[in-house]
Amino acid sequence: MRWSDGAPALRWEGGRVSALVHGQALAFRAVGARMCPGARGNPCPLAATVPGRSTGARCPECARLDRAHSVAADTIADDPRPYRVYLAWFGPGMTKVGITAEERGPARLLEQGAVAFCWLGRGPLMAARRTEELLRHALKVPDRIPYDRKRAVRHALPGPDARRREIEELYGRATALPGWTETLERLDFRAYDHGDAFGLHGLPPLSATVTELVDDGVVAGRLLAAAGPDLHLLDPEGRCLALDTRLVRGWGLVAVDARVGEQSVTVPVRVLRHPLHGVQDGLFSP
């Protein structure tokens, strides 16, 4: 799954892209075995299979190659591009600090599923990295938040004004801290909100999550929302079902009848203990 110009799409092997539109019907069947897709544009030298529940989707050798060229893994120190430091908000009390290459714009925030965010500063990579560490320790905010926590709170979020207030308060605390490196330019506050881009307004309570794909297993439903790597589907049983598309990488997929109600979901799912029902009805007209 990729985000381009603020919109989600599925990118296939070979480069073909399929746009994802809120309200559209989706249905596919996994076939064969899940194969490692390789790393950095190179095919997997072992043609290895990977476990169905792995969100990394790569074999250990390809995972090492991918991480060896990763800014996030702190393995690159001489990147000459300008970087930006940001605060990303995922839900009440769930804000993280991070950095991204300036040329990527908000793509990294969309990929992480940040519901709201603001920029803090811009400058060289190592200055951005040092500022990220300063803020993480001084403000007690993490640099990573697990996807399952982000996913769980999306279905009962406060409105845009409350999101803006929380991130603005943290911005004020961050910019008041001493110790910012002189080579990092501080940026004025402006809140960005992805609620509409993700399709989160009116999202019903989450009923279940897909845990893995299996050979001949079917996923079907109508797309309610897309946030980060997650698709939120209204399945044929009326459940709001979350699919982490990182679980799809490496599978061969074939289309099945996309008419909601014609297919059942036959992949393993984890049903929430106390899902709330009754609000899904009537979300979409035929």
Protein backbone atom coordinates (compact mmCIF):
# COMPACT_ATOMS: atom_id res chain seq x y z
CA MET A 1 0.00 0.00 0.00
CA ARG A 2 1.28 3.45 -0.96
CA TRP A 3 0.15 7.04 -0.41
CA SER A 4 0.52 9.53 -3.27
CA ASP A 5 -0.86 13.07 -3.32
CA GLY A 6 -2.80 12.30 -0.13
CA ALA A 7 -4.60 9.26 -1.58
CA PRO A 8 -4.12 5.52 -0.94
CA ALA A 9 -3.34 2.92 -3.60
CA LEU A 10 -2.10 -0.63 -3.92
CA ARG A 11 1.19 -1.02 -5.76
CA TRP A 12 1.72 -4.33 -7.51
CA GLU A 13 4.89 -6.16 -8.47
CA GLY A 14 5.99 -4.59 -11.73
CA GLY A 15 4.86 -1.09 -10.72
CA ARG A 16 1.15 -1.14 -11.61
CA VAL A 17 -0.97 0.89 -9.17
CA SER A 18 -4.62 0.41 -8.22
CA ALA A 19 -6.30 3.43 -6.61
CA LEU A 20 -8.37 2.87 -3.48
CA VAL A 21 -11.61 4.84 -3.15
CA HIS A 22 -13.77 5.04 -0.03
CA GLY A 23 -17.02 3.16 -0.60
CA GLN A 24 -15.71 0.81 -3.27
CA ALA A 25 -16.21 -2.95 -3.00
CA LEU A 26 -13.06 -5.05 -2.65
CA ALA A 27 -12.75 -8.83 -2.89
CA PHE A 28 -9.71 -11.01 -3.52
CA ARG A 29 -8.42 -14.52 -2.85
CA ALA A 30 -4.86 -15.39 -1.83
CA VAL A 31 -3.21 -18.18 -3.81
CA GLY A 32 -0.11 -20.31 -3.39
CA ALA A 33 2.51 -19.53 -0.74
CA ARG A 34 3.64 -16.21 0.64
CA MET A 35 7.00 -15.37 -0.93
CA CYS A 36 9.63 -12.86 0.19
CA PRO A 37 9.40 -9.82 -2.16
CA GLY A 38 13.11 -9.04 -1.86
CA ALA A 39 14.61 -5.69 -0.85
CA ARG A 40 15.67 -2.42 -2.43
CA GLY A 41 14.33 -3.44 -5.84
CA ASN A 42 16.20 -6.75 -5.84
CA PRO A 43 14.42 -10.14 -5.88
CA CYS A 44 14.95 -12.44 -2.93
CA PRO A 45 18.07 -14.53 -3.72
CA LEU A 46 16.64 -17.47 -1.78
CA ALA A 47 13.09 -17.30 -3.17
CA ALA A 48 12.17 -17.77 0.48
CA THR A 49 8.71 -18.23 1.94
CA VAL A 50 7.70 -16.01 4.87
CA PRO A 51 5.23 -16.56 7.73
CA GLY A 52 1.66 -15.43 7.17
CA ARG A 53 1.55 -13.28 10.31
CA SER A 54 4.75 -11.34 9.62
CA THR A 55 4.14 -7.66 8.90
CA GLY A 56 7.75 -7.33 7.77
CA ALA A 57 7.05 -9.71 4.84
CA ARG A 58 10.75 -10.33 4.19
CA CYS A 59 13.09 -13.21 4.91
CA PRO A 60 15.91 -12.45 7.41
CA GLU A 61 18.52 -11.87 4.68
CA CYS A 62 16.37 -9.37 2.74
CA ALA A 63 15.26 -7.69 5.97
CA ARG A 64 18.93 -7.06 6.85
CA LEU A 65 19.60 -5.62 3.38
CA ASP A 66 16.59 -3.31 3.63
CA ARG A 67 17.52 -2.10 7.11
CA ALA A 68 21.14 -1.49 6.11
CA HIS A 69 19.93 1.41 3.94
CA SER A 70 17.35 2.85 6.31
CA VAL A 71 17.35 6.32 7.84
CA ALA A 72 14.86 5.06 10.43
CA ALA A 73 17.39 2.42 11.54
CA ASP A 74 20.02 5.17 11.95
CA THR A 75 22.39 3.44 9.52
CA ILE A 76 22.85 6.48 7.24
CA ALA A 77 24.66 9.54 8.62
CA ASP A 78 25.80 11.38 5.48
CA ASP A 79 22.52 11.97 3.64
CA PRO A 80 22.84 15.54 2.24
CA ARG A 81 19.08 16.10 1.87
CA PRO A 82 17.23 18.45 4.27
CA TYR A 83 15.06 16.73 6.87
CA ARG A 84 12.06 17.78 8.91
CA VAL A 85 11.20 17.00 12.52
CA TYR A 86 7.51 16.44 13.23
CA LEU A 87 4.98 15.64 15.94
CA ALA A 88 2.43 13.02 14.87
CA TRP A 89 -0.89 12.54 16.70
CA PHE A 90 -2.74 9.20 16.56
CA GLY A 91 -5.25 9.58 19.38
CA PRO A 92 -5.66 11.19 22.83
CA GLY A 93 -2.35 10.92 24.65
CA MET A 94 -0.75 9.18 21.67
CA THR A 95 1.79 11.53 20.04
CA LYS A 96 5.22 10.62 18.70
CA VAL A 97 8.20 12.57 17.41
CA GLY A 98 9.96 11.65 14.20
CA ILE A 99 11.92 12.84 11.18
CA THR A 100 11.38 12.55 7.44
CA ALA A 101 13.16 13.76 4.30
CA GLU A 102 11.73 17.14 3.36
CA GLU A 103 11.24 16.09 -0.27
CA ARG A 104 8.73 13.44 0.85
CA GLY A 105 6.34 16.02 2.29
CA PRO A 106 3.58 14.43 4.41
CA ALA A 107 3.92 10.95 2.82
CA ARG A 108 5.63 9.48 5.90
CA LEU A 109 2.83 10.78 8.14
CA LEU A 110 0.16 9.22 5.91
CA GLU A 111 2.07 5.91 5.84
CA GLN A 112 2.16 5.83 9.64
CA GLY A 113 -1.53 6.61 9.99
CA ALA A 114 -1.02 9.98 11.71
CA VAL A 115 -4.47 11.52 12.13
CA ALA A 116 -2.94 14.96 12.75
CA PHE A 117 0.59 16.36 12.73
CA CYS A 118 2.70 19.49 12.75
CA TRP A 119 6.21 20.33 11.64
CA LEU A 120 8.73 21.45 14.27
CA GLY A 121 11.90 22.24 12.33
CA ARG A 122 14.03 21.58 9.27
CA GLY A 123 17.74 21.10 8.69
CA PRO A 124 20.52 18.53 8.10
CA LEU A 125 19.90 14.88 8.96
CA MET A 126 22.08 14.71 12.07
CA ALA A 127 20.65 17.97 13.45
CA ALA A 128 17.14 16.61 12.93
CA ARG A 129 18.15 13.32 14.57
CA ARG A 130 19.64 15.06 17.62
CA THR A 131 16.53 17.23 18.02
CA GLU A 132 14.32 14.16 17.75
CA GLU A 133 16.25 12.55 20.61
CA LEU A 134 16.10 15.72 22.71
CA LEU A 135 12.33 15.97 22.35
CA ARG A 136 11.76 12.27 22.92
CA HIS A 137 13.54 12.35 26.28
CA ALA A 138 12.48 15.82 27.47
CA LEU A 139 8.80 15.49 26.55
CA LYS A 140 8.52 11.75 27.31
CA VAL A 141 7.07 11.03 23.88
CA PRO A 142 8.03 7.88 21.97
CA ASP A 143 9.48 7.58 18.48
CA ARG A 144 7.27 4.56 17.74
CA ILE A 145 3.66 3.61 18.54
CA PRO A 146 2.43 0.06 17.76
CA TYR A 147 -0.04 -0.16 14.88
CA ASP A 148 -2.58 -2.10 16.91
CA ARG A 149 -2.83 0.83 19.36
CA LYS A 150 -3.29 3.31 16.52
CA ARG A 151 -5.93 1.08 14.95
CA ALA A 152 -7.90 0.61 18.15
CA VAL A 153 -8.45 4.33 18.84
CA ARG A 154 -9.40 5.39 15.29
CA HIS A 155 -13.02 4.43 15.81
CA ALA A 156 -13.73 6.89 18.65
CA LEU A 157 -11.58 9.95 18.01
CA PRO A 158 -12.28 13.51 19.18
CA GLY A 159 -12.92 16.10 16.48
CA PRO A 160 -10.34 18.17 14.56
CA ASP A 161 -10.39 21.06 17.06
CA ALA A 162 -9.48 18.79 19.97
CA ARG A 163 -6.78 17.14 17.89
CA ARG A 164 -5.32 20.52 17.01
CA ARG A 165 -5.33 21.71 20.64
CA GLU A 166 -3.44 18.67 21.89
CA ILE A 167 -0.75 18.84 19.24
CA GLU A 168 -0.42 22.63 19.59
CA GLU A 169 0.13 22.31 23.34
CA LEU A 170 2.93 19.81 22.76
CA TYR A 171 4.40 22.02 20.01
CA GLY A 172 4.60 24.87 22.52
CA ARG A 173 6.42 22.70 25.04
CA ALA A 174 8.79 21.39 22.37
CA THR A 175 9.80 24.79 20.98
CA ALA A 176 10.34 26.18 24.51
CA LEU A 177 12.99 23.56 25.30
CA PRO A 178 16.63 24.66 25.42
CA GLY A 179 19.23 22.61 23.59
CA TRP A 180 17.98 22.81 20.01
CA THR A 181 20.90 22.60 17.60
CA GLU A 182 21.64 25.90 15.81
CA THR A 183 21.57 24.23 12.39
CA LEU A 184 17.90 23.28 12.74
CA GLU A 185 15.45 25.96 11.62
CA ARG A 186 12.33 26.13 13.78
CA LEU A 187 9.04 26.22 11.88
CA ASP A 188 5.87 28.10 12.81
CA PHE A 189 2.96 26.07 14.10
CA ARG A 190 0.40 24.77 11.65
CA ALA A 191 -1.76 21.72 12.28
CA TYR A 192 -2.50 19.28 9.45
CA ASP A 193 -5.38 16.84 9.73
CA HIS A 194 -5.84 13.57 7.82
CA GLY A 195 -9.31 12.68 9.09
CA ASP A 196 -10.93 13.32 5.70
CA ALA A 197 -8.10 11.71 3.70
CA PHE A 198 -8.39 8.58 5.83
CA GLY A 199 -12.20 8.55 5.81
CA LEU A 200 -12.50 8.37 9.59
CA HIS A 201 -15.69 10.42 10.03
CA GLY A 202 -18.51 8.15 11.17
CA LEU A 203 -16.29 5.06 11.23
CA PRO A 204 -18.18 2.31 13.11
CA PRO A 205 -16.65 0.39 16.03
CA LEU A 206 -13.99 -2.13 15.10
CA SER A 207 -15.28 -5.71 15.28
CA ALA A 208 -12.32 -7.82 14.13
CA THR A 209 -8.88 -7.73 12.53
CA VAL A 210 -7.37 -10.04 9.91
CA THR A 211 -4.47 -11.94 11.48
CA GLU A 212 -3.06 -13.49 8.31
CA LEU A 213 -3.86 -14.55 4.76
CA VAL A 214 -3.90 -18.23 3.80
CA ASP A 215 -3.92 -20.11 0.53
CA ASP A 216 -7.42 -19.90 -0.99
CA GLY A 217 -8.54 -17.49 1.75
CA VAL A 218 -10.91 -14.67 0.74
CA VAL A 219 -11.10 -11.07 1.96
CA ALA A 220 -14.21 -9.14 0.92
CA GLY A 221 -15.97 -5.96 1.96
CA ARG A 222 -16.69 -2.32 1.21
CA LEU A 223 -13.90 0.12 1.92
CA LEU A 224 -14.84 2.44 4.78
CA ALA A 225 -11.45 3.97 5.56
CA ALA A 226 -7.75 3.67 4.78
CA ALA A 227 -5.17 4.87 7.30
CA GLY A 228 -1.47 4.12 7.29
CA PRO A 229 -1.19 0.52 6.03
CA ASP A 230 -4.70 -0.40 7.22
CA LEU A 231 -7.89 -0.91 5.28
CA HIS A 232 -11.14 -0.75 7.28
CA LEU A 233 -13.83 -2.79 5.54
CA LEU A 234 -17.53 -3.37 6.11
CA ASP A 235 -17.60 -7.12 5.51
CA PRO A 236 -20.57 -9.16 4.22
CA GLU A 237 -21.59 -9.98 7.82
CA GLY A 238 -21.88 -6.28 8.71
CA ARG A 239 -18.67 -6.21 10.74
CA CYS A 240 -16.07 -3.48 10.58
CA LEU A 241 -12.96 -5.49 9.73
CA ALA A 242 -9.40 -4.13 9.70
CA LEU A 243 -6.82 -5.49 7.26
CA ASP A 244 -3.17 -4.52 7.69
CA THR A 245 -1.98 -4.52 4.08
CA ARG A 246 1.55 -5.38 5.22
CA LEU A 247 0.12 -8.89 5.66
CA VAL A 248 -0.74 -8.94 1.93
CA ARG A 249 2.81 -8.40 0.62
CA GLY A 250 4.28 -11.52 -0.95
CA TRP A 251 0.95 -13.20 -1.74
CA GLY A 252 -0.42 -13.90 -5.17
CA LEU A 253 -3.93 -12.43 -5.40
CA VAL A 254 -6.80 -13.13 -7.75
CA ALA A 255 -10.00 -11.15 -8.04
CA VAL A 256 -13.31 -12.66 -6.96
CA ASP A 257 -16.84 -11.28 -7.27
CA ALA A 258 -16.59 -7.89 -5.59
CA ARG A 259 -20.31 -7.55 -4.88
CA VAL A 260 -20.64 -7.29 -1.11
CA GLY A 261 -22.77 -10.16 0.10
CA GLU A 262 -21.58 -12.52 -2.63
CA GLN A 263 -18.44 -13.54 -0.73
CA SER A 264 -17.60 -14.48 2.84
CA VAL A 265 -14.36 -13.64 4.61
CA THR A 266 -12.52 -16.96 4.96
CA VAL A 267 -9.11 -15.83 6.28
CA PRO A 268 -8.29 -16.05 10.02
CA VAL A 269 -9.52 -13.06 12.02
CA ARG A 270 -9.29 -11.98 15.64
CA VAL A 271 -12.70 -10.96 16.93
CA LEU A 272 -12.72 -8.28 19.62
CA ARG A 273 -14.12 -9.39 22.94
CA HIS A 274 -16.80 -6.75 23.21
CA PRO A 275 -17.46 -5.28 19.76
CA LEU A 276 -20.26 -2.78 19.50
CA HIS A 277 -22.88 -3.61 16.93
CA GLY A 278 -25.85 -1.80 15.52
CA VAL A 279 -24.16 1.31 14.14
CA GLN A 280 -22.96 -0.20 10.90
CA ASP A 281 -26.41 -0.56 9.29
CA GLY A 282 -27.19 1.88 6.52
CA LEU A 283 -23.68 3.30 6.14
CA PHE A 284 -23.82 2.78 2.40
CA SER A 285 -26.60 2.55 -0.12
CA PRO A 286 -26.45 -0.19 -2.75
